[in-house]
Amino acid sequence: MDKFELLRKVKRQLMNVHKEKFIIPEPKPEETQSDYVSRCMDAIGDEYDTPEQGVAVCIATYEKK
């Protein structure tokens, strides 16, 4: 599975997740992608089966800002 397929899969999973389960933090304006992904993974990393899924969600969220 390549990076883009993984991102699409995670996006589909996110659409099916209830917001009450966990909240993905918003990137701060001055935050680097690396800093954001680290903070994001602290918040949601254990919500996914693999760390790669969590990282994909965090990166996708950062890129939407």
PDB file of N, CA and C in Angstrom:
ATOM      1  N   MET A   1       0.854  -1.167   0.000  1.00  0.00           N
ATOM      2  CA  MET A   1       0.000   0.000   0.000  1.00  0.00           C
ATOM      3  C   MET A   1       0.903   1.235   0.000  1.00  0.00           C
ATOM      4  N   ASP A   2       0.714   2.122  -0.986  1.00  0.00           N
ATOM      5  CA  ASP A   2       1.550   3.319  -1.010  1.00  0.00           C
ATOM      6  C   ASP A   2       0.979   4.406  -0.092  1.00  0.00           C
ATOM      7  N   LYS A   3       1.714   5.486   0.062  1.00  0.00           N
ATOM      8  CA  LYS A   3       1.368   6.565   0.997  1.00  0.00           C
ATOM      9  C   LYS A   3      -0.012   7.140   0.702  1.00  0.00           C
ATOM     10  N   PHE A   4      -0.341   7.331  -0.575  1.00  0.00           N
ATOM     11  CA  PHE A   4      -1.613   7.951  -0.938  1.00  0.00           C
ATOM     12  C   PHE A   4      -2.790   7.012  -0.692  1.00  0.00           C
ATOM     13  N   GLU A   5      -2.591   5.732  -0.941  1.00  0.00           N
ATOM     14  CA  GLU A   5      -3.638   4.763  -0.633  1.00  0.00           C
ATOM     15  C   GLU A   5      -3.895   4.724   0.869  1.00  0.00           C
ATOM     16  N   LEU A   6      -2.824   4.780   1.648  1.00  0.00           N
ATOM     17  CA  LEU A   6      -2.958   4.787   3.105  1.00  0.00           C
ATOM     18  C   LEU A   6      -3.711   6.037   3.566  1.00  0.00           C
ATOM     19  N   LEU A   7      -3.373   7.195   2.993  1.00  0.00           N
ATOM     20  CA  LEU A   7      -4.081   8.432   3.352  1.00  0.00           C
ATOM     21  C   LEU A   7      -5.568   8.343   3.009  1.00  0.00           C
ATOM     22  N   ARG A   8      -5.893   7.794   1.838  1.00  0.00           N
ATOM     23  CA  ARG A   8      -7.310   7.648   1.453  1.00  0.00           C
ATOM     24  C   ARG A   8      -8.032   6.709   2.409  1.00  0.00           C
ATOM     25  N   LYS A   9      -7.376   5.621   2.791  1.00  0.00           N
ATOM     26  CA  LYS A   9      -7.982   4.668   3.715  1.00  0.00           C
ATOM     27  C   LYS A   9      -8.241   5.324   5.070  1.00  0.00           C
ATOM     28  N   VAL A  10      -7.261   6.067   5.550  1.00  0.00           N
ATOM     29  CA  VAL A  10      -7.416   6.727   6.843  1.00  0.00           C
ATOM     30  C   VAL A  10      -8.513   7.783   6.778  1.00  0.00           C
ATOM     31  N   LYS A  11      -8.584   8.533   5.686  1.00  0.00           N
ATOM     32  CA  LYS A  11      -9.650   9.531   5.542  1.00  0.00           C
ATOM     33  C   LYS A  11     -11.023   8.871   5.604  1.00  0.00           C
ATOM     34  N   ARG A  12     -11.165   7.730   4.939  1.00  0.00           N
ATOM     35  CA  ARG A  12     -12.444   7.003   4.992  1.00  0.00           C
ATOM     36  C   ARG A  12     -12.751   6.564   6.408  1.00  0.00           C
ATOM     37  N   GLN A  13     -11.737   6.086   7.117  1.00  0.00           N
ATOM     38  CA  GLN A  13     -11.944   5.670   8.493  1.00  0.00           C
ATOM     39  C   GLN A  13     -12.344   6.848   9.365  1.00  0.00           C
ATOM     40  N   LEU A  14     -11.717   7.982   9.137  1.00  0.00           N
ATOM     41  CA  LEU A  14     -12.056   9.171   9.924  1.00  0.00           C
ATOM     42  C   LEU A  14     -13.500   9.592   9.711  1.00  0.00           C
ATOM     43  N   MET A  15     -13.991   9.439   8.506  1.00  0.00           N
ATOM     44  CA  MET A  15     -15.365   9.822   8.224  1.00  0.00           C
ATOM     45  C   MET A  15     -16.351   8.943   8.989  1.00  0.00           C
ATOM     46  N   ASN A  16     -15.921   7.751   9.348  1.00  0.00           N
ATOM     47  CA  ASN A  16     -16.791   6.822  10.052  1.00  0.00           C
ATOM     48  C   ASN A  16     -16.635   6.863  11.565  1.00  0.00           C
ATOM     49  N   VAL A  17     -15.690   7.644  12.049  1.00  0.00           N
ATOM     50  CA  VAL A  17     -15.422   7.700  13.490  1.00  0.00           C
ATOM     51  C   VAL A  17     -16.300   8.772  14.125  1.00  0.00           C
ATOM     52  N   HIS A  18     -16.850   8.449  15.266  1.00  0.00           N
ATOM     53  CA  HIS A  18     -17.631   9.430  16.006  1.00  0.00           C
ATOM     54  C   HIS A  18     -16.699  10.450  16.625  1.00  0.00           C
ATOM     55  N   LYS A  19     -17.076  11.717  16.569  1.00  0.00           N
ATOM     56  CA  LYS A  19     -16.224  12.771  17.102  1.00  0.00           C
ATOM     57  C   LYS A  19     -15.993  12.625  18.597  1.00  0.00           C
ATOM     58  N   GLU A  20     -16.881  11.946  19.298  1.00  0.00           N
ATOM     59  CA  GLU A  20     -16.720  11.786  20.737  1.00  0.00           C
ATOM     60  C   GLU A  20     -15.541  10.873  21.082  1.00  0.00           C
ATOM     61  N   LYS A  21     -15.131  10.032  20.172  1.00  0.00           N
ATOM     62  CA  LYS A  21     -14.090   9.063  20.466  1.00  0.00           C
ATOM     63  C   LYS A  21     -12.741   9.736  20.736  1.00  0.00           C
ATOM     64  N   PHE A  22     -12.349  10.650  19.870  1.00  0.00           N
ATOM     65  CA  PHE A  22     -11.113  11.394  20.071  1.00  0.00           C
ATOM     66  C   PHE A  22     -11.152  12.651  19.217  1.00  0.00           C
ATOM     67  N   ILE A  23     -10.318  13.601  19.568  1.00  0.00           N
ATOM     68  CA  ILE A  23     -10.266  14.860  18.839  1.00  0.00           C
ATOM     69  C   ILE A  23      -8.862  15.028  18.262  1.00  0.00           C
ATOM     70  N   ILE A  24      -8.816  15.310  16.979  1.00  0.00           N
ATOM     71  CA  ILE A  24      -7.536  15.561  16.326  1.00  0.00           C
ATOM     72  C   ILE A  24      -7.183  17.024  16.585  1.00  0.00           C
ATOM     73  N   PRO A  25      -6.026  17.284  17.174  1.00  0.00           N
ATOM     74  CA  PRO A  25      -5.665  18.671  17.457  1.00  0.00           C
ATOM     75  C   PRO A  25      -5.466  19.484  16.176  1.00  0.00           C
ATOM     76  N   GLU A  26      -5.746  20.767  16.257  1.00  0.00           N
ATOM     77  CA  GLU A  26      -5.533  21.670  15.128  1.00  0.00           C
ATOM     78  C   GLU A  26      -4.079  22.128  15.108  1.00  0.00           C
ATOM     79  N   PRO A  27      -3.494  22.244  13.903  1.00  0.00           N
ATOM     80  CA  PRO A  27      -2.132  22.779  13.826  1.00  0.00           C
ATOM     81  C   PRO A  27      -2.120  24.261  14.223  1.00  0.00           C
ATOM     82  N   LYS A  28      -1.080  24.666  14.916  1.00  0.00           N
ATOM     83  CA  LYS A  28      -0.900  26.072  15.265  1.00  0.00           C
ATOM     84  C   LYS A  28      -0.236  26.773  14.083  1.00  0.00           C
ATOM     85  N   PRO A  29      -0.539  28.052  13.866  1.00  0.00           N
ATOM     86  CA  PRO A  29       0.005  28.756  12.692  1.00  0.00           C
ATOM     87  C   PRO A  29       1.533  28.704  12.578  1.00  0.00           C
ATOM     88  N   GLU A  30       2.241  28.812  13.685  1.00  0.00           N
ATOM     89  CA  GLU A  30       3.703  28.859  13.641  1.00  0.00           C
ATOM     90  C   GLU A  30       4.351  27.478  13.756  1.00  0.00           C
ATOM     91  N   GLU A  31       3.565  26.440  13.876  1.00  0.00           N
ATOM     92  CA  GLU A  31       4.074  25.096  14.144  1.00  0.00           C
ATOM     93  C   GLU A  31       4.610  24.433  12.874  1.00  0.00           C
ATOM     94  N   THR A  32       5.787  23.819  12.982  1.00  0.00           N
ATOM     95  CA  THR A  32       6.316  23.059  11.849  1.00  0.00           C
ATOM     96  C   THR A  32       5.544  21.745  11.726  1.00  0.00           C
ATOM     97  N   GLN A  33       5.645  21.129  10.564  1.00  0.00           N
ATOM     98  CA  GLN A  33       4.964  19.852  10.371  1.00  0.00           C
ATOM     99  C   GLN A  33       5.488  18.813  11.352  1.00  0.00           C
ATOM    100  N   SER A  34       6.782  18.781  11.552  1.00  0.00           N
ATOM    101  CA  SER A  34       7.380  17.810  12.465  1.00  0.00           C
ATOM    102  C   SER A  34       6.866  17.997  13.890  1.00  0.00           C
ATOM    103  N   ASP A  35       6.851  19.249  14.356  1.00  0.00           N
ATOM    104  CA  ASP A  35       6.353  19.522  15.708  1.00  0.00           C
ATOM    105  C   ASP A  35       4.877  19.156  15.835  1.00  0.00           C
ATOM    106  N   TYR A  36       4.097  19.499  14.795  1.00  0.00           N
ATOM    107  CA  TYR A  36       2.670  19.195  14.840  1.00  0.00           C
ATOM    108  C   TYR A  36       2.428  17.680  14.875  1.00  0.00           C
ATOM    109  N   VAL A  37       3.099  16.941  13.999  1.00  0.00           N
ATOM    110  CA  VAL A  37       2.887  15.491  13.944  1.00  0.00           C
ATOM    111  C   VAL A  37       3.246  14.854  15.283  1.00  0.00           C
ATOM    112  N   SER A  38       4.303  15.323  15.903  1.00  0.00           N
ATOM    113  CA  SER A  38       4.681  14.797  17.214  1.00  0.00           C
ATOM    114  C   SER A  38       3.584  15.058  18.247  1.00  0.00           C
ATOM    115  N   ARG A  39       3.079  16.291  18.285  1.00  0.00           N
ATOM    116  CA  ARG A  39       2.012  16.650  19.235  1.00  0.00           C
ATOM    117  C   ARG A  39       0.725  15.896  18.912  1.00  0.00           C
ATOM    118  N   CYS A  40       0.420  15.795  17.645  1.00  0.00           N
ATOM    119  CA  CYS A  40      -0.785  15.087  17.201  1.00  0.00           C
ATOM    120  C   CYS A  40      -0.724  13.604  17.590  1.00  0.00           C
ATOM    121  N   MET A  41       0.430  12.977  17.374  1.00  0.00           N
ATOM    122  CA  MET A  41       0.577  11.563  17.713  1.00  0.00           C
ATOM    123  C   MET A  41       0.457  11.327  19.211  1.00  0.00           C
ATOM    124  N   ASP A  42       0.902  12.295  20.014  1.00  0.00           N
ATOM    125  CA  ASP A  42       0.719  12.177  21.465  1.00  0.00           C
ATOM    126  C   ASP A  42      -0.771  12.130  21.802  1.00  0.00           C
ATOM    127  N   ALA A  43      -1.573  12.861  21.023  1.00  0.00           N
ATOM    128  CA  ALA A  43      -3.003  12.954  21.295  1.00  0.00           C
ATOM    129  C   ALA A  43      -3.794  11.773  20.731  1.00  0.00           C
ATOM    130  N   ILE A  44      -3.433  11.295  19.526  1.00  0.00           N
ATOM    131  CA  ILE A  44      -4.280  10.288  18.865  1.00  0.00           C
ATOM    132  C   ILE A  44      -3.557   9.011  18.481  1.00  0.00           C
ATOM    133  N   GLY A  45      -2.272   8.930  18.711  1.00  0.00           N
ATOM    134  CA  GLY A  45      -1.473   7.802  18.225  1.00  0.00           C
ATOM    135  C   GLY A  45      -1.987   6.432  18.595  1.00  0.00           C
ATOM    136  N   ASP A  46      -2.537   6.284  19.783  1.00  0.00           N
ATOM    137  CA  ASP A  46      -2.988   4.954  20.196  1.00  0.00           C
ATOM    138  C   ASP A  46      -4.420   4.648  19.769  1.00  0.00           C
ATOM    139  N   GLU A  47      -5.021   5.510  18.955  1.00  0.00           N
ATOM    140  CA  GLU A  47      -6.371   5.274  18.448  1.00  0.00           C
ATOM    141  C   GLU A  47      -6.367   4.396  17.189  1.00  0.00           C
ATOM    142  N   TYR A  48      -5.195   4.136  16.635  1.00  0.00           N
ATOM    143  CA  TYR A  48      -5.093   3.404  15.375  1.00  0.00           C
ATOM    144  C   TYR A  48      -4.348   2.089  15.571  1.00  0.00           C
ATOM    145  N   ASP A  49      -4.530   1.194  14.616  1.00  0.00           N
ATOM    146  CA  ASP A  49      -3.891  -0.116  14.676  1.00  0.00           C
ATOM    147  C   ASP A  49      -2.373  -0.028  14.511  1.00  0.00           C
ATOM    148  N   THR A  50      -1.931   0.921  13.683  1.00  0.00           N
ATOM    149  CA  THR A  50      -0.495   1.074  13.451  1.00  0.00           C
ATOM    150  C   THR A  50      -0.106   2.538  13.592  1.00  0.00           C
ATOM    151  N   PRO A  51       1.141   2.804  13.954  1.00  0.00           N
ATOM    152  CA  PRO A  51       1.592   4.199  14.033  1.00  0.00           C
ATOM    153  C   PRO A  51       1.508   4.918  12.686  1.00  0.00           C
ATOM    154  N   GLU A  52       1.702   4.176  11.606  1.00  0.00           N
ATOM    155  CA  GLU A  52       1.653   4.778  10.275  1.00  0.00           C
ATOM    156  C   GLU A  52       0.286   5.395   9.987  1.00  0.00           C
ATOM    157  N   GLN A  53      -0.783   4.755  10.475  1.00  0.00           N
ATOM    158  CA  GLN A  53      -2.124   5.295  10.267  1.00  0.00           C
ATOM    159  C   GLN A  53      -2.282   6.623  11.010  1.00  0.00           C
ATOM    160  N   GLY A  54      -1.801   6.677  12.236  1.00  0.00           N
ATOM    161  CA  GLY A  54      -1.874   7.914  13.005  1.00  0.00           C
ATOM    162  C   GLY A  54      -1.073   9.028  12.352  1.00  0.00           C
ATOM    163  N   VAL A  55       0.127   8.709  11.896  1.00  0.00           N
ATOM    164  CA  VAL A  55       0.965   9.694  11.226  1.00  0.00           C
ATOM    165  C   VAL A  55       0.281  10.199   9.964  1.00  0.00           C
ATOM    166  N   ALA A  56      -0.331   9.303   9.203  1.00  0.00           N
ATOM    167  CA  ALA A  56      -1.036   9.713   7.982  1.00  0.00           C
ATOM    168  C   ALA A  56      -2.161  10.689   8.304  1.00  0.00           C
ATOM    169  N   VAL A  57      -2.899  10.439   9.371  1.00  0.00           N
ATOM    170  CA  VAL A  57      -3.981  11.340   9.780  1.00  0.00           C
ATOM    171  C   VAL A  57      -3.405  12.699  10.168  1.00  0.00           C
ATOM    172  N   CYS A  58      -2.341  12.686  10.929  1.00  0.00           N
ATOM    173  CA  CYS A  58      -1.730  13.937  11.378  1.00  0.00           C
ATOM    174  C   CYS A  58      -1.195  14.743  10.197  1.00  0.00           C
ATOM    175  N   ILE A  59      -0.530  14.080   9.274  1.00  0.00           N
ATOM    176  CA  ILE A  59       0.008  14.780   8.101  1.00  0.00           C
ATOM    177  C   ILE A  59      -1.125  15.356   7.264  1.00  0.00           C
ATOM    178  N   ALA A  60      -2.159  14.576   7.031  1.00  0.00           N
ATOM    179  CA  ALA A  60      -3.297  15.063   6.254  1.00  0.00           C
ATOM    180  C   ALA A  60      -3.938  16.272   6.926  1.00  0.00           C
ATOM    181  N   THR A  61      -4.047  16.242   8.239  1.00  0.00           N
ATOM    182  CA  THR A  61      -4.625  17.369   8.970  1.00  0.00           C
ATOM    183  C   THR A  61      -3.719  18.593   8.854  1.00  0.00           C
ATOM    184  N   TYR A  62      -2.434  18.403   8.970  1.00  0.00           N
ATOM    185  CA  TYR A  62      -1.487  19.520   8.861  1.00  0.00           C
ATOM    186  C   TYR A  62      -1.562  20.141   7.472  1.00  0.00           C
ATOM    187  N   GLU A  63      -1.643  19.312   6.447  1.00  0.00           N
ATOM    188  CA  GLU A  63      -1.638  19.816   5.068  1.00  0.00           C
ATOM    189  C   GLU A  63      -2.920  20.563   4.712  1.00  0.00           C
ATOM    190  N   LYS A  64      -3.992  20.357   5.482  1.00  0.00           N
ATOM    191  CA  LYS A  64      -5.249  21.067   5.231  1.00  0.00           C
ATOM    192  C   LYS A  64      -5.229  22.492   5.762  1.00  0.00           C
ATOM    193  N   LYS A  65      -4.273  22.837   6.608  1.00  0.00           N
ATOM    194  CA  LYS A  65      -4.290  24.166   7.252  1.00  0.00           C
ATOM    195  C   LYS A  65      -4.065  25.289   6.290  1.00  0.00           C
TER     196      LYS A  65
END
